[in-house]
């Protein structure tokens, strides 16, 4: 190979290496915030009694309860997300079989007129659905809240 052909060959090789190297920078700040720092996320729910003005907090007595989502990553660190209050007492099921929409959790609260809650995972979001009454149609559920989950993470329940 003569000198001009060798220079052109080396320049072409350098351009090819430069074009293939490195990773793509995030184009959106929100996208970079939701990138997974871990591979697995475990979700659990916590029902806590809401203290009344008199100071007593007894969820078993049928008072209101606060619903919290707890996210635990593979390093053991946790994040708590407030999902609102419900009329207690409430019963909870994890991954109930045969329920439409395949929710991670279902809750039935019998206080007052009653409330049904489902937590459904869809496209990197946990969707909280609520319906009035203890019994009713599947079409009664309305979206109450969305919680963003990290992109590409395997979500489990506990």
C-alpha atoms as a PDB file:
ATOM      1  CA  UNK A   1       0.000   0.000   0.000  1.00  0.00           C
ATOM      2  CA  UNK A   2       1.460   3.353  -0.961  1.00  0.00           C
ATOM      3  CA  UNK A   3       1.501   6.295   1.458  1.00  0.00           C
ATOM      4  CA  UNK A   4      -1.691   8.188   0.302  1.00  0.00           C
ATOM      5  CA  UNK A   5      -3.749   4.970   0.377  1.00  0.00           C
ATOM      6  CA  UNK A   6      -2.430   4.137   3.847  1.00  0.00           C
ATOM      7  CA  UNK A   7      -3.329   7.627   5.165  1.00  0.00           C
ATOM      8  CA  UNK A   8      -6.857   7.350   3.746  1.00  0.00           C
ATOM      9  CA  UNK A   9      -7.207   3.850   5.242  1.00  0.00           C
ATOM     10  CA  UNK A  10      -6.067   5.048   8.708  1.00  0.00           C
ATOM     11  CA  UNK A  11      -8.355   8.087   8.577  1.00  0.00           C
ATOM     12  CA  UNK A  12     -11.294   5.863   7.663  1.00  0.00           C
ATOM     13  CA  UNK A  13     -10.460   3.483  10.499  1.00  0.00           C
ATOM     14  CA  UNK A  14     -10.199   6.364  12.992  1.00  0.00           C
ATOM     15  CA  UNK A  15     -13.599   7.734  11.921  1.00  0.00           C
ATOM     16  CA  UNK A  16     -15.192   4.279  12.267  1.00  0.00           C
ATOM     17  CA  UNK A  17     -13.764   3.789  15.758  1.00  0.00           C
ATOM     18  CA  UNK A  18     -14.877   7.264  16.858  1.00  0.00           C
ATOM     19  CA  UNK A  19     -18.417   6.694  15.546  1.00  0.00           C
ATOM     20  CA  UNK A  20     -18.811   3.372  17.372  1.00  0.00           C
ATOM     21  CA  UNK A  21     -17.290   4.347  20.705  1.00  0.00           C
ATOM     22  CA  UNK A  22     -18.996   5.590  23.875  1.00  0.00           C
ATOM     23  CA  UNK A  23     -22.558   5.466  25.040  1.00  0.00           C
ATOM     24  CA  UNK A  24     -25.450   7.688  24.196  1.00  0.00           C
ATOM     25  CA  UNK A  25     -26.049  10.546  26.609  1.00  0.00           C
ATOM     26  CA  UNK A  26     -29.589  10.895  27.975  1.00  0.00           C
ATOM     27  CA  UNK A  27     -31.603  13.263  25.832  1.00  0.00           C
ATOM     28  CA  UNK A  28     -34.061  14.074  28.548  1.00  0.00           C
ATOM     29  CA  UNK A  29     -33.438  14.913  32.211  1.00  0.00           C
ATOM     30  CA  UNK A  30     -36.471  12.854  33.286  1.00  0.00           C
ATOM     31  CA  UNK A  31     -35.115   9.848  31.389  1.00  0.00           C
ATOM     32  CA  UNK A  32     -31.785  10.048  33.204  1.00  0.00           C
ATOM     33  CA  UNK A  33     -33.572  10.305  36.590  1.00  0.00           C
ATOM     34  CA  UNK A  34     -35.507   7.072  35.974  1.00  0.00           C
ATOM     35  CA  UNK A  35     -32.542   4.974  34.843  1.00  0.00           C
ATOM     36  CA  UNK A  36     -32.225   1.881  37.014  1.00  0.00           C
ATOM     37  CA  UNK A  37     -29.452   1.824  39.551  1.00  0.00           C
ATOM     38  CA  UNK A  38     -30.461  -1.717  40.452  1.00  0.00           C
ATOM     39  CA  UNK A  39     -32.081  -4.713  38.766  1.00  0.00           C
ATOM     40  CA  UNK A  40     -34.825  -5.640  41.217  1.00  0.00           C
ATOM     41  CA  UNK A  41     -37.418  -3.677  43.189  1.00  0.00           C
ATOM     42  CA  UNK A  42     -39.637  -5.276  45.844  1.00  0.00           C
ATOM     43  CA  UNK A  43     -42.973  -3.613  46.607  1.00  0.00           C
ATOM     44  CA  UNK A  44     -44.930  -4.012  49.811  1.00  0.00           C
ATOM     45  CA  UNK A  45     -47.871  -2.188  51.382  1.00  0.00           C
ATOM     46  CA  UNK A  46     -48.270  -0.861  54.877  1.00  0.00           C
ATOM     47  CA  UNK A  47     -51.553   0.097  56.523  1.00  0.00           C
ATOM     48  CA  UNK A  48     -51.140   2.404  59.510  1.00  0.00           C
ATOM     49  CA  UNK A  49     -53.896   3.731  61.764  1.00  0.00           C
ATOM     50  CA  UNK A  50     -54.526   7.448  61.467  1.00  0.00           C
ATOM     51  CA  UNK A  51     -54.565   9.116  64.871  1.00  0.00           C
ATOM     52  CA  UNK A  52     -57.803  10.885  65.668  1.00  0.00           C
ATOM     53  CA  UNK A  53     -57.912  14.274  67.390  1.00  0.00           C
ATOM     54  CA  UNK A  54     -58.227  12.559  70.762  1.00  0.00           C
ATOM     55  CA  UNK A  55     -54.850  10.904  70.113  1.00  0.00           C
ATOM     56  CA  UNK A  56     -55.950   7.265  69.972  1.00  0.00           C
ATOM     57  CA  UNK A  57     -55.060   5.351  66.839  1.00  0.00           C
ATOM     58  CA  UNK A  58     -56.740   1.967  66.529  1.00  0.00           C
ATOM     59  CA  UNK A  59     -57.031   0.537  63.012  1.00  0.00           C
ATOM     60  CA  UNK A  60     -58.837  -2.527  64.346  1.00  0.00           C
ATOM     61  CA  UNK A  61     -61.679  -0.369  65.595  1.00  0.00           C
ATOM     62  CA  UNK A  62     -62.536   0.677  62.055  1.00  0.00           C
ATOM     63  CA  UNK A  63     -60.947   4.097  62.033  1.00  0.00           C
ATOM     64  CA  UNK A  64     -59.247   5.529  58.961  1.00  0.00           C
ATOM     65  CA  UNK A  65     -55.951   3.991  57.873  1.00  0.00           C
ATOM     66  CA  UNK A  66     -53.069   5.463  55.881  1.00  0.00           C
ATOM     67  CA  UNK A  67     -51.877   3.388  52.914  1.00  0.00           C
ATOM     68  CA  UNK A  68     -48.135   3.440  52.192  1.00  0.00           C
ATOM     69  CA  UNK A  69     -46.219   1.817  49.337  1.00  0.00           C
ATOM     70  CA  UNK A  70     -42.739   0.673  50.349  1.00  0.00           C
ATOM     71  CA  UNK A  71     -40.148   0.212  47.583  1.00  0.00           C
ATOM     72  CA  UNK A  72     -37.050  -1.804  48.538  1.00  0.00           C
ATOM     73  CA  UNK A  73     -34.172  -2.159  46.081  1.00  0.00           C
ATOM     74  CA  UNK A  74     -31.560  -4.931  46.034  1.00  0.00           C
ATOM     75  CA  UNK A  75     -29.218  -2.895  48.239  1.00  0.00           C
ATOM     76  CA  UNK A  76     -31.835  -2.802  51.001  1.00  0.00           C
ATOM     77  CA  UNK A  77     -32.597   0.902  50.815  1.00  0.00           C
ATOM     78  CA  UNK A  78     -36.275   1.815  50.993  1.00  0.00           C
ATOM     79  CA  UNK A  79     -38.530   4.560  49.733  1.00  0.00           C
ATOM     80  CA  UNK A  80     -42.043   5.221  51.088  1.00  0.00           C
ATOM     81  CA  UNK A  81     -44.838   6.649  48.927  1.00  0.00           C
ATOM     82  CA  UNK A  82     -48.079   7.927  50.477  1.00  0.00           C
ATOM     83  CA  UNK A  83     -51.103   6.463  48.656  1.00  0.00           C
ATOM     84  CA  UNK A  84     -53.723   8.263  50.749  1.00  0.00           C
ATOM     85  CA  UNK A  85     -56.231   7.305  53.436  1.00  0.00           C
ATOM     86  CA  UNK A  86     -58.892   4.610  53.453  1.00  0.00           C
ATOM     87  CA  UNK A  87     -61.869   3.915  55.713  1.00  0.00           C
ATOM     88  CA  UNK A  88     -60.666   1.021  57.904  1.00  0.00           C
ATOM     89  CA  UNK A  89     -60.624  -1.794  58.686  1.00  0.00           C
ATOM     90  CA  UNK A  90     -59.078  -3.169  55.505  1.00  0.00           C
ATOM     91  CA  UNK A  91     -58.064  -6.611  54.267  1.00  0.00           C
ATOM     92  CA  UNK A  92     -55.245  -6.994  51.761  1.00  0.00           C
ATOM     93  CA  UNK A  93     -54.306  -9.709  49.234  1.00  0.00           C
ATOM     94  CA  UNK A  94     -51.023  -9.962  47.353  1.00  0.00           C
ATOM     95  CA  UNK A  95     -51.165 -11.243  43.734  1.00  0.00           C
ATOM     96  CA  UNK A  96     -54.763 -12.488  44.006  1.00  0.00           C
ATOM     97  CA  UNK A  97     -55.594 -15.252  41.479  1.00  0.00           C
ATOM     98  CA  UNK A  98     -58.381 -14.774  38.946  1.00  0.00           C
ATOM     99  CA  UNK A  99     -58.769 -11.029  39.426  1.00  0.00           C
ATOM    100  CA  UNK A 100     -59.036  -8.932  36.235  1.00  0.00           C
ATOM    101  CA  UNK A 101     -56.112  -6.612  35.436  1.00  0.00           C
ATOM    102  CA  UNK A 102     -53.749  -8.951  37.384  1.00  0.00           C
ATOM    103  CA  UNK A 103     -53.108  -6.507  40.258  1.00  0.00           C
ATOM    104  CA  UNK A 104     -50.082  -6.780  42.533  1.00  0.00           C
ATOM    105  CA  UNK A 105     -52.305  -5.960  45.521  1.00  0.00           C
ATOM    106  CA  UNK A 106     -56.033  -5.691  46.254  1.00  0.00           C
ATOM    107  CA  UNK A 107     -57.593  -4.118  49.320  1.00  0.00           C
ATOM    108  CA  UNK A 108     -61.148  -4.177  50.612  1.00  0.00           C
ATOM    109  CA  UNK A 109     -62.031  -1.619  53.237  1.00  0.00           C
ATOM    110  CA  UNK A 110     -65.358  -2.032  54.985  1.00  0.00           C
ATOM    111  CA  UNK A 111     -65.478   1.237  56.927  1.00  0.00           C
ATOM    112  CA  UNK A 112     -68.167   3.721  55.913  1.00  0.00           C
ATOM    113  CA  UNK A 113     -69.682   2.769  52.544  1.00  0.00           C
ATOM    114  CA  UNK A 114     -66.567   0.704  51.767  1.00  0.00           C
ATOM    115  CA  UNK A 115     -63.768   1.084  49.256  1.00  0.00           C
ATOM    116  CA  UNK A 116     -61.932  -1.321  46.944  1.00  0.00           C
ATOM    117  CA  UNK A 117     -58.366  -0.625  45.840  1.00  0.00           C
ATOM    118  CA  UNK A 118     -56.145  -2.319  43.248  1.00  0.00           C
ATOM    119  CA  UNK A 119     -52.498  -1.658  42.482  1.00  0.00           C
ATOM    120  CA  UNK A 120     -51.641  -2.588  38.890  1.00  0.00           C
ATOM    121  CA  UNK A 121     -48.148  -2.450  37.326  1.00  0.00           C
ATOM    122  CA  UNK A 122     -48.064  -1.264  33.720  1.00  0.00           C
ATOM    123  CA  UNK A 123     -45.255   0.180  31.595  1.00  0.00           C
ATOM    124  CA  UNK A 124     -42.920   1.245  34.412  1.00  0.00           C
ATOM    125  CA  UNK A 125     -45.757   2.737  36.477  1.00  0.00           C
ATOM    126  CA  UNK A 126     -47.770   1.473  39.406  1.00  0.00           C
ATOM    127  CA  UNK A 127     -51.384   2.557  38.940  1.00  0.00           C
ATOM    128  CA  UNK A 128     -53.648   2.888  41.981  1.00  0.00           C
ATOM    129  CA  UNK A 129     -57.302   2.197  41.138  1.00  0.00           C
ATOM    130  CA  UNK A 130     -60.190   2.856  43.544  1.00  0.00           C
ATOM    131  CA  UNK A 131     -63.861   1.896  43.480  1.00  0.00           C
ATOM    132  CA  UNK A 132     -66.638   2.792  45.923  1.00  0.00           C
ATOM    133  CA  UNK A 133     -68.428   0.075  47.878  1.00  0.00           C
ATOM    134  CA  UNK A 134     -67.425  -3.376  49.027  1.00  0.00           C
ATOM    135  CA  UNK A 135     -69.016  -5.041  45.993  1.00  0.00           C
ATOM    136  CA  UNK A 136     -69.517  -3.813  42.468  1.00  0.00           C
ATOM    137  CA  UNK A 137     -68.640  -4.019  38.821  1.00  0.00           C
ATOM    138  CA  UNK A 138     -65.114  -4.095  37.381  1.00  0.00           C
ATOM    139  CA  UNK A 139     -65.939  -0.891  35.528  1.00  0.00           C
ATOM    140  CA  UNK A 140     -66.397   0.971  38.833  1.00  0.00           C
ATOM    141  CA  UNK A 141     -62.634   1.419  39.271  1.00  0.00           C
ATOM    142  CA  UNK A 142     -61.135   4.834  38.567  1.00  0.00           C
ATOM    143  CA  UNK A 143     -57.501   5.843  38.478  1.00  0.00           C
ATOM    144  CA  UNK A 144     -56.536   7.589  41.704  1.00  0.00           C
ATOM    145  CA  UNK A 145     -52.758   7.887  41.408  1.00  0.00           C
ATOM    146  CA  UNK A 146     -49.694   6.868  39.387  1.00  0.00           C
ATOM    147  CA  UNK A 147     -46.297   6.082  40.858  1.00  0.00           C
ATOM    148  CA  UNK A 148     -43.278   6.058  38.516  1.00  0.00           C
ATOM    149  CA  UNK A 149     -40.998   3.045  38.766  1.00  0.00           C
ATOM    150  CA  UNK A 150     -37.433   2.905  37.420  1.00  0.00           C
ATOM    151  CA  UNK A 151     -37.250   1.853  33.774  1.00  0.00           C
ATOM    152  CA  UNK A 152     -36.283  -1.745  33.076  1.00  0.00           C
ATOM    153  CA  UNK A 153     -36.373  -2.979  36.687  1.00  0.00           C
ATOM    154  CA  UNK A 154     -37.918  -6.337  37.632  1.00  0.00           C
ATOM    155  CA  UNK A 155     -40.728  -5.554  40.080  1.00  0.00           C
ATOM    156  CA  UNK A 156     -41.683  -8.134  42.716  1.00  0.00           C
ATOM    157  CA  UNK A 157     -44.147  -8.072  45.613  1.00  0.00           C
ATOM    158  CA  UNK A 158     -43.702  -9.043  49.202  1.00  0.00           C
END
